[in-house]
N, C-alpha and C. Protein backbone atom coordinates (compact mmCIF):
# COMPACT_ATOMS: atom_id res chain seq x y z
N MET A 1 0.82 -1.37 0.22
CA MET A 1 -0.12 -0.09 0.18
C MET A 1 0.80 1.49 0.18
N VAL A 2 0.31 2.05 -0.87
CA VAL A 2 1.29 3.39 -1.01
C VAL A 2 0.64 4.48 -0.05
N THR A 3 1.32 5.22 0.52
CA THR A 3 0.84 6.08 1.69
C THR A 3 1.18 7.76 1.17
N PRO A 4 -0.21 8.41 1.27
CA PRO A 4 -0.09 9.70 0.41
C PRO A 4 0.49 10.70 1.39
N ARG A 5 1.41 11.66 0.81
CA ARG A 5 2.31 12.32 1.78
C ARG A 5 1.02 13.57 2.21
N THR A 6 1.21 13.61 3.50
CA THR A 6 0.51 14.46 4.38
C THR A 6 0.88 15.86 4.68
N THR A 7 2.09 15.93 4.96
CA THR A 7 2.98 17.06 5.61
C THR A 7 4.09 16.97 4.55
N PRO A 8 3.79 17.64 3.41
CA PRO A 8 5.15 17.92 2.51
C PRO A 8 6.03 18.89 2.65
N GLY A 9 7.37 18.83 2.71
CA GLY A 9 8.19 19.81 3.13
C GLY A 9 7.86 21.13 2.23
N MET A 10 8.46 22.58 2.44
CA MET A 10 8.22 23.60 1.63
C MET A 10 8.61 23.09 0.21
N GLY A 11 9.55 22.79 0.21
CA GLY A 11 10.53 22.62 -1.24
C GLY A 11 10.02 21.55 -2.22
N ASP A 12 9.26 20.51 -1.13
CA ASP A 12 8.86 19.36 -1.98
C ASP A 12 7.22 19.21 -2.32
N GLY A 13 6.48 20.10 -1.82
CA GLY A 13 5.43 19.95 -2.10
C GLY A 13 4.68 20.47 -3.58
N ILE A 14 3.57 19.85 -3.83
CA ILE A 14 2.69 20.58 -5.15
C ILE A 14 1.54 21.04 -4.99
N MET A 15 1.47 22.00 -6.26
CA MET A 15 0.11 23.20 -5.86
C MET A 15 -0.54 22.72 -7.61
N MET A 16 -1.84 22.83 -7.07
CA MET A 16 -2.72 22.78 -8.41
C MET A 16 -2.87 24.32 -8.77
N VAL A 17 -3.00 24.63 -10.07
CA VAL A 17 -3.27 25.80 -10.43
C VAL A 17 -4.02 25.73 -11.36
N GLN A 18 -5.35 26.60 -11.59
CA GLN A 18 -6.38 26.41 -12.51
C GLN A 18 -6.67 27.68 -13.40
N THR A 19 -7.03 27.60 -14.43
CA THR A 19 -7.39 29.08 -15.24
C THR A 19 -8.21 28.44 -16.19
N THR A 20 -9.09 29.42 -16.68
CA THR A 20 -9.76 29.05 -18.02
C THR A 20 -9.70 30.00 -19.23
N LEU A 21 -9.71 29.50 -20.51
CA LEU A 21 -9.46 30.23 -21.51
C LEU A 21 -10.55 30.11 -22.41
N PRO A 22 -10.69 30.92 -23.59
CA PRO A 22 -11.67 31.17 -24.40
C PRO A 22 -12.18 29.81 -25.00
N GLY A 23 -13.41 29.33 -24.96
CA GLY A 23 -13.90 28.23 -25.67
C GLY A 23 -13.66 28.32 -27.12
N GLU A 24 -13.53 29.42 -27.69
CA GLU A 24 -13.31 29.76 -29.03
C GLU A 24 -12.00 29.09 -29.59
N MET A 25 -11.06 29.16 -28.57
CA MET A 25 -9.68 28.48 -29.03
C MET A 25 -9.90 26.85 -29.44
N ASN A 26 -9.50 26.68 -30.51
CA ASN A 26 -9.23 25.21 -31.10
C ASN A 26 -8.36 24.38 -30.27
N GLU A 27 -8.32 23.19 -30.35
CA GLU A 27 -7.43 22.25 -29.59
C GLU A 27 -6.19 22.75 -29.83
N ALA A 28 -5.43 22.90 -31.19
CA ALA A 28 -4.35 23.25 -31.37
C ALA A 28 -3.72 24.38 -30.79
N GLU A 29 -4.67 25.47 -31.04
CA GLU A 29 -4.22 26.70 -29.86
C GLU A 29 -4.27 26.46 -28.83
N LEU A 30 -5.02 25.60 -28.01
CA LEU A 30 -5.07 25.31 -26.46
C LEU A 30 -3.63 24.64 -26.33
N GLY A 31 -3.40 23.53 -27.09
CA GLY A 31 -2.22 22.66 -27.02
C GLY A 31 -1.09 23.19 -27.15
N GLN A 32 -0.57 24.18 -28.05
CA GLN A 32 0.26 25.19 -28.34
C GLN A 32 0.65 25.97 -26.88
N TRP A 33 -0.59 26.51 -26.07
CA TRP A 33 -0.46 27.22 -24.99
C TRP A 33 0.19 26.54 -23.98
N CYS A 34 -0.65 25.40 -23.67
CA CYS A 34 -0.35 24.57 -22.73
C CYS A 34 1.01 23.77 -22.82
N GLN A 35 1.56 23.46 -24.25
CA GLN A 35 2.82 23.03 -24.65
C GLN A 35 4.01 24.08 -24.10
N GLY A 36 3.57 25.34 -24.21
CA GLY A 36 4.63 26.51 -23.80
C GLY A 36 4.76 26.28 -22.30
N LEU A 37 3.98 26.04 -21.49
CA LEU A 37 4.01 25.78 -20.32
C LEU A 37 5.00 24.83 -19.68
N ILE A 38 4.63 23.65 -20.53
CA ILE A 38 5.39 22.33 -20.24
C ILE A 38 6.93 22.63 -20.54
N ASP A 39 7.34 22.99 -22.12
CA ASP A 39 8.33 23.44 -22.55
C ASP A 39 9.50 24.22 -21.65
N SER A 40 8.70 25.25 -20.60
CA SER A 40 9.21 26.10 -20.01
C SER A 40 9.53 25.62 -18.32
N ASN A 41 9.15 24.26 -18.15
CA ASN A 41 9.14 23.68 -17.08
C ASN A 41 8.23 24.21 -15.93
N LEU A 42 7.56 25.05 -16.22
CA LEU A 42 6.53 25.55 -15.20
C LEU A 42 5.43 24.83 -14.74
N ALA A 43 4.94 23.51 -15.36
CA ALA A 43 4.15 22.60 -15.18
C ALA A 43 4.43 21.41 -15.45
N ALA A 44 4.28 20.33 -14.56
CA ALA A 44 4.59 18.91 -15.03
C ALA A 44 3.39 18.28 -15.74
N CYS A 45 2.24 18.61 -15.33
CA CYS A 45 1.14 17.90 -16.07
C CYS A 45 -0.09 19.01 -16.49
N ILE A 46 -0.83 19.16 -17.09
CA ILE A 46 -1.94 19.73 -17.64
C ILE A 46 -3.04 19.03 -18.03
N ASP A 47 -3.99 19.11 -17.33
CA ASP A 47 -5.37 18.77 -18.06
C ASP A 47 -6.17 19.78 -18.66
N MET A 48 -6.89 19.65 -19.76
CA MET A 48 -7.77 20.37 -20.11
C MET A 48 -9.07 19.67 -20.48
N LYS A 49 -10.22 20.60 -20.39
CA LYS A 49 -11.60 20.21 -20.71
C LYS A 49 -12.59 21.12 -20.81
N LYS A 50 -13.46 21.16 -21.68
CA LYS A 50 -14.31 22.24 -22.01
C LYS A 50 -15.75 22.06 -21.00
N VAL A 51 -16.00 23.12 -20.61
CA VAL A 51 -16.92 23.72 -19.29
C VAL A 51 -17.60 24.64 -19.76
N ARG A 52 -18.97 24.72 -19.16
CA ARG A 52 -19.57 25.77 -19.48
C ARG A 52 -19.62 26.42 -18.15
N SER A 53 -19.43 27.91 -18.40
CA SER A 53 -19.01 28.86 -17.21
C SER A 53 -20.34 29.71 -17.31
N ILE A 54 -21.12 30.03 -16.05
CA ILE A 54 -21.82 31.17 -15.91
C ILE A 54 -21.22 32.04 -15.21
N PHE A 55 -21.32 33.47 -15.58
CA PHE A 55 -20.60 34.37 -14.66
C PHE A 55 -21.45 35.66 -14.91
N ARG A 56 -21.16 36.80 -14.20
CA ARG A 56 -21.75 38.02 -14.63
C ARG A 56 -20.50 39.01 -14.88
N TRP A 57 -20.69 39.60 -15.76
CA TRP A 57 -19.50 40.41 -16.32
C TRP A 57 -20.18 41.72 -17.36
N ASN A 58 -19.91 42.71 -16.69
CA ASN A 58 -20.31 44.21 -17.10
C ASN A 58 -21.61 44.19 -17.11
N GLN A 59 -22.22 43.87 -15.82
CA GLN A 59 -23.43 43.84 -15.47
C GLN A 59 -24.69 43.16 -16.34
N GLU A 60 -23.75 42.00 -17.06
CA GLU A 60 -24.43 40.72 -17.89
C GLU A 60 -24.33 39.84 -17.38
N VAL A 61 -25.39 38.86 -17.31
CA VAL A 61 -25.47 37.23 -17.15
C VAL A 61 -24.47 36.85 -18.39
N VAL A 62 -23.54 36.00 -18.28
CA VAL A 62 -22.83 35.12 -19.27
C VAL A 62 -22.78 33.79 -19.34
N SER A 63 -23.11 33.04 -20.14
CA SER A 63 -22.94 31.52 -20.09
C SER A 63 -22.52 31.25 -21.20
N GLU A 64 -21.24 30.84 -21.35
CA GLU A 64 -20.52 30.37 -22.37
C GLU A 64 -19.56 29.15 -22.49
N PHE A 65 -19.08 28.45 -23.22
CA PHE A 65 -18.02 27.41 -22.94
C PHE A 65 -16.71 28.16 -22.91
N GLU A 66 -15.70 27.50 -21.92
CA GLU A 66 -14.74 27.78 -21.89
C GLU A 66 -14.04 26.62 -21.39
N TRP A 67 -12.40 26.84 -21.72
CA TRP A 67 -11.39 25.61 -21.54
C TRP A 67 -10.89 25.62 -20.15
N GLN A 68 -11.45 24.76 -19.26
CA GLN A 68 -10.63 24.64 -18.10
C GLN A 68 -9.23 24.16 -17.84
N VAL A 69 -8.44 24.50 -17.38
CA VAL A 69 -7.13 24.37 -17.49
C VAL A 69 -6.73 24.12 -16.32
N GLN A 70 -6.32 22.91 -15.73
CA GLN A 70 -5.78 22.50 -14.38
C GLN A 70 -3.96 22.06 -14.50
N MET A 71 -3.45 22.76 -13.95
CA MET A 71 -2.21 22.51 -14.06
C MET A 71 -1.41 21.97 -12.71
N VAL A 72 -0.35 20.95 -12.61
CA VAL A 72 0.28 20.52 -11.24
C VAL A 72 1.87 21.04 -11.89
N THR A 73 2.31 21.96 -10.35
CA THR A 73 3.43 22.46 -10.54
C THR A 73 4.12 22.25 -9.03
N PRO A 74 5.55 22.34 -8.78
CA PRO A 74 5.84 22.52 -7.55
C PRO A 74 5.68 23.58 -6.72
N ILE A 75 5.39 23.67 -5.51
CA ILE A 75 5.35 24.95 -4.70
C ILE A 75 6.40 25.98 -5.31
N MET A 76 7.74 25.68 -5.38
CA MET A 76 8.60 26.64 -5.63
C MET A 76 8.42 27.10 -7.28
N THR A 77 7.89 26.82 -7.71
CA THR A 77 7.35 27.13 -9.08
C THR A 77 6.23 27.89 -9.66
N LYS A 78 5.23 27.58 -8.43
CA LYS A 78 3.91 28.30 -8.71
C LYS A 78 3.92 29.96 -9.06
N ASP A 79 4.85 30.73 -8.43
CA ASP A 79 4.48 32.17 -8.69
C ASP A 79 4.98 32.65 -9.93
N SER A 80 6.10 31.49 -10.54
CA SER A 80 6.37 31.64 -11.74
C SER A 80 5.49 31.26 -13.01
N LEU A 81 4.58 30.19 -12.64
CA LEU A 81 3.89 29.57 -13.42
C LEU A 81 2.53 30.98 -13.50
N VAL A 82 1.96 31.51 -12.42
CA VAL A 82 1.16 32.18 -12.32
C VAL A 82 1.27 33.49 -13.14
N SER A 83 2.65 33.85 -13.06
CA SER A 83 3.23 35.25 -13.80
C SER A 83 2.72 35.18 -15.13
N ARG A 84 3.39 33.85 -15.69
CA ARG A 84 3.20 33.39 -17.00
C ARG A 84 1.81 33.13 -17.74
N ILE A 85 0.80 32.86 -16.85
CA ILE A 85 -0.27 32.76 -16.97
C ILE A 85 -0.76 34.21 -17.29
N LYS A 86 -0.66 34.92 -16.27
CA LYS A 86 -0.84 36.33 -16.62
C LYS A 86 -0.66 36.96 -17.86
N SER A 87 0.72 36.94 -17.88
CA SER A 87 1.20 37.65 -19.23
C SER A 87 0.90 37.23 -20.43
N THR A 88 0.20 36.01 -20.56
CA THR A 88 -0.19 35.37 -21.84
C THR A 88 -1.70 35.13 -21.82
N HIS A 89 -2.43 35.34 -20.84
CA HIS A 89 -3.86 35.30 -20.67
C HIS A 89 -4.58 36.23 -21.66
N PRO A 90 -5.61 35.64 -22.76
CA PRO A 90 -6.31 36.80 -23.46
C PRO A 90 -7.37 37.49 -22.43
N TYR A 91 -7.90 36.93 -21.32
CA TYR A 91 -8.76 37.96 -20.91
C TYR A 91 -8.36 38.89 -19.67
N ASP A 92 -9.26 39.76 -19.73
CA ASP A 92 -8.90 41.39 -19.19
C ASP A 92 -8.62 40.65 -17.63
N VAL A 93 -9.40 40.13 -17.11
CA VAL A 93 -9.21 39.57 -15.45
C VAL A 93 -9.75 38.11 -15.65
N PRO A 94 -8.50 37.27 -15.95
CA PRO A 94 -8.42 36.08 -15.85
C PRO A 94 -8.65 35.09 -14.27
N GLU A 95 -9.56 34.16 -14.61
CA GLU A 95 -9.63 33.29 -13.45
C GLU A 95 -8.30 32.37 -13.20
N ILE A 96 -7.33 32.75 -12.11
CA ILE A 96 -6.22 32.08 -11.69
C ILE A 96 -6.28 31.59 -10.36
N THR A 97 -6.56 30.37 -10.25
CA THR A 97 -6.58 29.93 -8.68
C THR A 97 -5.58 28.74 -8.71
N TRP A 98 -5.43 28.28 -7.22
CA TRP A 98 -4.42 27.57 -6.79
C TRP A 98 -4.63 27.18 -5.25
N TRP A 99 -4.24 26.07 -4.93
CA TRP A 99 -4.12 25.36 -3.64
C TRP A 99 -3.03 24.26 -3.63
N PRO A 100 -2.87 24.18 -2.44
CA PRO A 100 -1.90 22.95 -2.31
C PRO A 100 -2.60 21.65 -2.27
N ALA A 101 -1.66 20.39 -2.88
CA ALA A 101 -2.19 19.26 -3.24
C ALA A 101 -1.35 18.16 -2.63
N GLU A 102 -2.20 17.24 -2.05
CA GLU A 102 -1.27 16.15 -1.58
C GLU A 102 -1.42 14.95 -2.45
N ALA A 103 -0.23 14.12 -2.49
CA ALA A 103 -0.19 13.16 -3.40
C ALA A 103 0.67 12.01 -3.10
N ILE A 104 0.54 11.03 -3.88
CA ILE A 104 1.59 9.66 -3.14
C ILE A 104 3.01 10.55 -3.40
N GLN A 105 3.88 9.53 -2.75
CA GLN A 105 5.33 10.37 -2.47
C GLN A 105 5.94 10.54 -3.94
N GLU A 106 5.89 9.22 -4.52
CA GLU A 106 6.43 9.30 -5.87
C GLU A 106 6.13 10.06 -6.98
N TYR A 107 4.66 10.64 -6.98
CA TYR A 107 4.11 11.64 -7.96
C TYR A 107 4.85 12.84 -7.56
N SER A 108 4.78 13.00 -6.31
CA SER A 108 5.15 14.58 -5.88
C SER A 108 6.64 14.89 -6.10
N GLU A 109 7.58 13.36 -6.02
CA GLU A 109 8.92 13.77 -6.49
C GLU A 109 8.76 13.96 -7.88
N TRP A 110 7.83 13.14 -8.69
CA TRP A 110 8.24 13.37 -10.26
C TRP A 110 7.73 14.66 -10.40
N VAL A 111 7.07 15.61 -9.92
CA VAL A 111 6.35 16.72 -10.44
C VAL A 111 7.81 17.64 -9.78
N ASN A 112 8.24 17.24 -8.94
CA ASN A 112 9.13 18.27 -8.16
C ASN A 112 10.57 18.27 -9.06
N LYS A 113 10.72 17.40 -10.06
CA LYS A 113 11.75 17.05 -11.03
C LYS A 113 11.66 17.97 -11.92
N ILE A 114 10.79 18.85 -12.28
CA ILE A 114 10.52 19.37 -13.47
C ILE A 114 11.54 20.57 -13.93
N GLN A 115 12.11 21.14 -12.80
CA GLN A 115 13.15 22.02 -13.03
C GLN A 115 14.33 21.32 -13.65
N SER A 116 14.78 20.08 -13.55
CA SER A 116 15.80 19.42 -13.87
C SER A 116 15.37 18.94 -15.15
N ARG A 117 14.41 18.86 -15.60
CA ARG A 117 14.06 18.35 -17.03
C ARG A 117 14.44 19.39 -18.34
N LYS A 118 14.77 18.68 -19.37
CA LYS A 118 15.49 19.67 -20.32
C LYS A 118 14.21 19.80 -21.43
N SER A 119 14.18 21.07 -21.98
CA SER A 119 13.34 21.63 -22.86
C SER A 119 13.96 20.96 -24.42
N ASN A 120 12.86 20.45 -24.88
CA ASN A 120 13.26 20.23 -26.53
C ASN A 120 13.11 21.27 -27.39
């Protein structure tokens, strides 16, 4: 049985970072945006899925499809990842949220090795 990490050290913990991107982006554009984060060693893994978002914008209720993008990154890389998302995001006020995650030790160690991975 594998025991989950319940108290990761400051340098070896992992974070989940989430944003949404316009649903009009096609899969190739979305893939290119995400690939840039992987190639820059800012995220170890990225999940993407189409969701319907309902929100109020400029006093109007809006309901539209968006891409929900969830990234896994080391705690020490989170600020750089958030900065990159903000600088490349097409929205005026992007949703960028994050939270610490617990994982099995092997996965946490794998995520934390992204800084030593080589870009192609």
